[in-house]
Amino acid sequence: MSSDPEYHAPVNPIPPVVLALFLVIIVVEAAFSLGARGMLGGPEAVGWRNNAIQSYGFNTDVMDWMLANGVYPREHLIRFVSYGFVHGTFTHALFAGAMLLALGKFVGDVFNQFATLALFLISLAAGAVVYGLLAGGTPWLVGAFPGVYGLIGGFTYLMWLKLGQMGAQQYRAFTLIGFLLVIQLIFGLLFGSNGDWLADIGGFVAGFLASFVLSPGGFAKLREKMRHQ
């Protein structure tokens, strides 16, 4: 049946780059979880998660040190994106992975593979920069959520365009991010916050702005607009 040229799958497949990002997150988390339970890697595997956070997580002290000394070693620069593939708990990774699949599918069905990956990584880096500049003295930043919020930025951009084409009020495109920020505020008031919401906002803003260039034809449109100016 699938060989029929008129056949269309009832559910569109997940874009390969989104699936690859999801699998990296899940494989890393599986190694941490199995190691912590003594099912993989021997006794030293119990500390895999903490070691990974120390080696690949992002911390404001790391950024402060680089800015103060004017030195930017590769092992620290990689932290601006590598932190997105290390999570604090299994639940943390599960929620991030689920949102990555949902938002990544929507954006990846419109953006090409490279643009989708670039959007995710740019948002991770921007989230780390915002966190490093504004969240002084806070714990390690880990997890894919700033990158996921960047995909929400891409989703918002697409909705913003669509509403504009329909002649509708474009501010409605920001309904999703507004709802998520309210939820974060409530959770922060109830359970406390470590400042990682700053990274999420940074990721969202970067994702929305980057979409002007990364969306199909976006760079050509931007170049044409600059020429006319």
Protein backbone atom coordinates (compact mmCIF):
# COMPACT_ATOMS: atom_id res chain seq x y z
CA MET A 1 0.00 0.00 0.00
CA SER A 2 2.84 2.38 0.81
CA SER A 3 4.14 1.98 -2.78
CA ASP A 4 0.97 3.60 -4.13
CA PRO A 5 1.94 7.11 -5.38
CA GLU A 6 -1.40 8.39 -4.11
CA TYR A 7 -0.87 6.95 -0.64
CA HIS A 8 -0.24 9.43 2.16
CA ALA A 9 0.77 8.31 5.63
CA PRO A 10 -1.83 9.31 8.24
CA VAL A 11 0.95 10.83 10.36
CA ASN A 12 3.91 12.64 8.82
CA PRO A 13 7.27 11.22 9.94
CA ILE A 14 9.44 13.11 12.39
CA PRO A 15 12.12 15.13 10.53
CA PRO A 16 15.41 13.17 10.70
CA VAL A 17 17.39 15.95 12.40
CA VAL A 18 14.76 16.24 15.15
CA LEU A 19 14.72 12.49 15.65
CA ALA A 20 18.52 12.46 15.81
CA LEU A 21 18.56 15.17 18.49
CA PHE A 22 15.92 13.29 20.46
CA LEU A 23 17.88 10.03 20.26
CA VAL A 24 21.06 11.71 21.51
CA ILE A 25 19.19 13.04 24.53
CA ILE A 26 17.55 9.68 25.25
CA VAL A 27 20.74 7.63 24.80
CA VAL A 28 22.69 9.93 27.11
CA GLU A 29 19.92 9.84 29.71
CA ALA A 30 19.60 6.06 29.43
CA ALA A 31 23.32 5.70 30.15
CA PHE A 32 23.04 7.93 33.23
CA SER A 33 19.93 6.18 34.55
CA LEU A 34 21.23 2.64 33.97
CA GLY A 35 24.62 3.57 35.41
CA ALA A 36 23.04 5.01 38.54
CA ARG A 37 21.22 1.70 39.06
CA GLY A 38 24.37 -0.36 38.63
CA MET A 39 23.11 -1.88 35.37
CA LEU A 40 25.81 -0.34 33.17
CA GLY A 41 29.45 0.67 33.50
CA GLY A 42 30.29 -0.71 36.91
CA PRO A 43 30.57 1.16 40.24
CA GLU A 44 32.04 4.33 38.71
CA ALA A 45 28.94 4.75 36.53
CA VAL A 46 27.01 6.05 39.54
CA GLY A 47 28.79 9.37 39.11
CA TRP A 48 28.40 9.66 35.34
CA ARG A 49 25.67 12.29 35.54
CA ASN A 50 27.53 14.54 37.97
CA ASN A 51 30.75 14.17 35.97
CA ALA A 52 28.93 15.07 32.74
CA ILE A 53 27.38 18.15 34.37
CA GLN A 54 30.83 19.26 35.54
CA SER A 55 32.39 18.63 32.11
CA TYR A 56 29.61 19.70 29.74
CA GLY A 57 27.14 21.78 31.76
CA PHE A 58 27.10 25.57 31.68
CA ASN A 59 27.87 27.73 34.69
CA THR A 60 27.96 31.50 35.14
CA ASP A 61 31.41 31.20 36.72
CA VAL A 62 32.76 29.69 33.50
CA MET A 63 31.50 32.62 31.44
CA ASP A 64 32.70 35.17 34.00
CA TRP A 65 36.18 33.62 33.93
CA MET A 66 36.38 33.72 30.13
CA LEU A 67 35.21 37.35 29.95
CA ALA A 68 37.53 38.45 32.75
CA ASN A 69 40.60 36.80 31.22
CA GLY A 70 39.79 37.21 27.55
CA VAL A 71 40.47 33.53 27.05
CA TYR A 72 37.98 31.23 25.34
CA PRO A 73 39.22 27.62 25.40
CA ARG A 74 37.37 25.10 23.27
CA GLU A 75 36.48 22.90 26.24
CA HIS A 76 34.51 25.80 27.71
CA LEU A 77 33.06 27.16 24.46
CA ILE A 78 31.47 23.79 23.76
CA ARG A 79 29.50 24.15 27.00
CA PHE A 80 27.30 26.77 25.29
CA VAL A 81 25.59 23.92 23.41
CA SER A 82 26.68 20.70 25.11
CA TYR A 83 24.68 21.52 28.26
CA GLY A 84 21.52 20.94 26.23
CA PHE A 85 22.22 17.20 25.99
CA VAL A 86 22.77 16.64 29.73
CA HIS A 87 19.78 16.61 32.07
CA GLY A 88 19.42 16.64 35.81
CA THR A 89 16.89 13.81 36.06
CA PHE A 90 15.12 11.25 33.90
CA THR A 91 11.89 13.27 34.12
CA HIS A 92 13.73 16.40 33.02
CA ALA A 93 15.04 14.60 29.93
CA LEU A 94 11.67 12.98 29.20
CA PHE A 95 9.75 16.27 29.17
CA ALA A 96 12.44 18.03 27.14
CA GLY A 97 12.52 15.17 24.63
CA ALA A 98 8.74 15.12 24.26
CA MET A 99 8.59 18.87 23.62
CA LEU A 100 11.50 18.61 21.21
CA LEU A 101 9.62 16.04 19.14
CA ALA A 102 6.38 18.05 19.14
CA LEU A 103 7.83 21.47 18.31
CA GLY A 104 10.63 20.08 16.19
CA LYS A 105 8.17 18.27 13.95
CA PHE A 106 6.14 21.41 13.33
CA VAL A 107 9.19 23.56 12.60
CA GLY A 108 11.08 20.81 10.76
CA ASP A 109 8.18 20.27 8.38
CA VAL A 110 8.67 23.86 7.15
CA PHE A 111 12.37 24.60 7.72
CA ASN A 112 15.02 22.47 6.03
CA GLN A 113 17.13 20.06 8.09
CA PHE A 114 20.14 22.36 8.44
CA ALA A 115 17.97 25.33 9.42
CA THR A 116 16.15 23.29 12.07
CA LEU A 117 19.44 22.13 13.59
CA ALA A 118 20.88 25.65 13.43
CA LEU A 119 17.78 27.06 15.11
CA PHE A 120 18.09 24.59 17.98
CA LEU A 121 21.83 25.14 18.51
CA ILE A 122 21.66 28.94 18.16
CA SER A 123 18.90 28.99 20.78
CA LEU A 124 20.94 26.84 23.15
CA ALA A 125 23.92 29.19 22.80
CA ALA A 126 21.78 32.31 23.22
CA GLY A 127 20.10 30.83 26.28
CA ALA A 128 23.49 30.16 27.85
CA VAL A 129 24.69 33.70 27.13
CA VAL A 130 21.58 35.26 28.69
CA TYR A 131 21.85 32.93 31.67
CA GLY A 132 25.55 33.71 32.07
CA LEU A 133 24.99 37.46 31.97
CA LEU A 134 21.91 37.70 34.18
CA ALA A 135 21.79 34.69 36.49
CA GLY A 136 24.87 35.22 38.58
CA GLY A 137 25.60 32.82 41.42
CA THR A 138 23.04 30.24 40.31
CA PRO A 139 23.46 26.47 39.84
CA TRP A 140 24.56 24.66 36.70
CA LEU A 141 22.45 25.14 33.60
CA VAL A 142 21.62 21.82 31.93
CA GLY A 143 18.88 20.51 29.68
CA ALA A 144 17.45 21.04 26.21
CA PHE A 145 14.70 23.48 27.18
CA PRO A 146 16.42 26.67 25.89
CA GLY A 147 16.77 24.92 22.52
CA VAL A 148 13.16 23.75 22.69
CA TYR A 149 12.09 27.30 23.45
CA GLY A 150 14.02 28.32 20.37
CA LEU A 151 11.84 25.92 18.38
CA ILE A 152 8.84 27.58 20.04
CA GLY A 153 10.29 30.83 18.70
CA GLY A 154 10.33 29.27 15.22
CA PHE A 155 6.76 28.05 15.68
CA THR A 156 5.73 31.54 16.82
CA TYR A 157 7.38 33.08 13.77
CA LEU A 158 5.47 30.76 11.44
CA MET A 159 2.20 31.52 13.20
CA TRP A 160 3.01 35.24 13.10
CA LEU A 161 3.49 35.02 9.32
CA LYS A 162 0.32 32.99 8.84
CA LEU A 163 -1.81 35.38 10.89
CA GLY A 164 -0.38 38.30 8.95
CA GLN A 165 -1.28 36.66 5.66
CA MET A 166 -4.82 36.08 6.95
CA GLY A 167 -5.14 39.69 8.07
CA ALA A 168 -5.59 38.55 11.67
CA GLN A 169 -4.04 40.06 14.80
CA GLN A 170 -0.44 38.82 14.80
CA TYR A 171 0.06 39.18 18.55
CA ARG A 172 -1.99 35.97 18.88
CA ALA A 173 1.09 34.10 17.66
CA PHE A 174 2.65 34.72 21.08
CA THR A 175 -0.14 32.93 22.95
CA LEU A 176 1.88 29.72 23.45
CA ILE A 177 4.98 31.40 24.86
CA GLY A 178 2.79 33.59 27.08
CA PHE A 179 1.02 30.52 28.47
CA LEU A 180 4.32 28.72 29.12
CA LEU A 181 5.81 31.73 30.89
CA VAL A 182 2.76 31.99 33.15
CA ILE A 183 3.14 28.29 34.01
CA GLN A 184 6.82 28.84 34.78
CA LEU A 185 5.97 31.81 36.98
CA ILE A 186 3.47 29.76 38.95
CA PHE A 187 5.92 26.88 39.41
CA GLY A 188 8.65 29.35 40.38
CA LEU A 189 6.45 30.91 43.07
CA LEU A 190 5.41 27.51 44.42
CA PHE A 191 8.69 25.61 44.26
CA GLY A 192 11.35 28.26 43.74
CA SER A 193 13.40 29.03 40.66
CA ASN A 194 17.12 28.75 39.90
CA GLY A 195 17.05 31.28 37.07
CA ASP A 196 16.96 28.80 34.18
CA TRP A 197 13.84 30.57 32.91
CA LEU A 198 16.19 33.33 31.76
CA ALA A 199 17.87 30.84 29.44
CA ASP A 200 14.47 29.73 28.16
CA ILE A 201 13.47 33.30 27.31
CA GLY A 202 16.85 33.89 25.67
CA GLY A 203 16.37 30.75 23.60
CA PHE A 204 12.88 31.81 22.55
CA VAL A 205 13.93 35.32 21.47
CA ALA A 206 16.93 33.94 19.57
CA GLY A 207 14.76 31.31 17.86
CA PHE A 208 12.16 33.86 16.82
CA LEU A 209 14.73 36.31 15.44
CA ALA A 210 16.84 33.61 13.75
CA SER A 211 13.73 32.38 11.94
CA PHE A 212 13.70 35.57 9.88
CA VAL A 213 16.88 34.26 8.22
CA LEU A 214 16.58 30.48 8.61
CA SER A 215 13.00 30.12 7.33
CA PRO A 216 12.54 29.14 3.66
CA GLY A 217 13.59 32.11 1.57
CA GLY A 218 14.25 34.10 4.72
CA PHE A 219 17.82 35.11 3.89
CA ALA A 220 16.87 36.18 0.35
CA LYS A 221 13.99 38.27 1.69
CA LEU A 222 16.24 39.90 4.29
CA ARG A 223 18.92 40.68 1.68
CA GLU A 224 16.32 42.14 -0.67
CA LYS A 225 14.92 44.32 2.10
CA MET A 226 18.40 45.59 2.99
CA ARG A 227 19.05 46.46 -0.65
CA HIS A 228 15.89 48.54 -0.83
CA GLN A 229 16.88 50.37 2.32
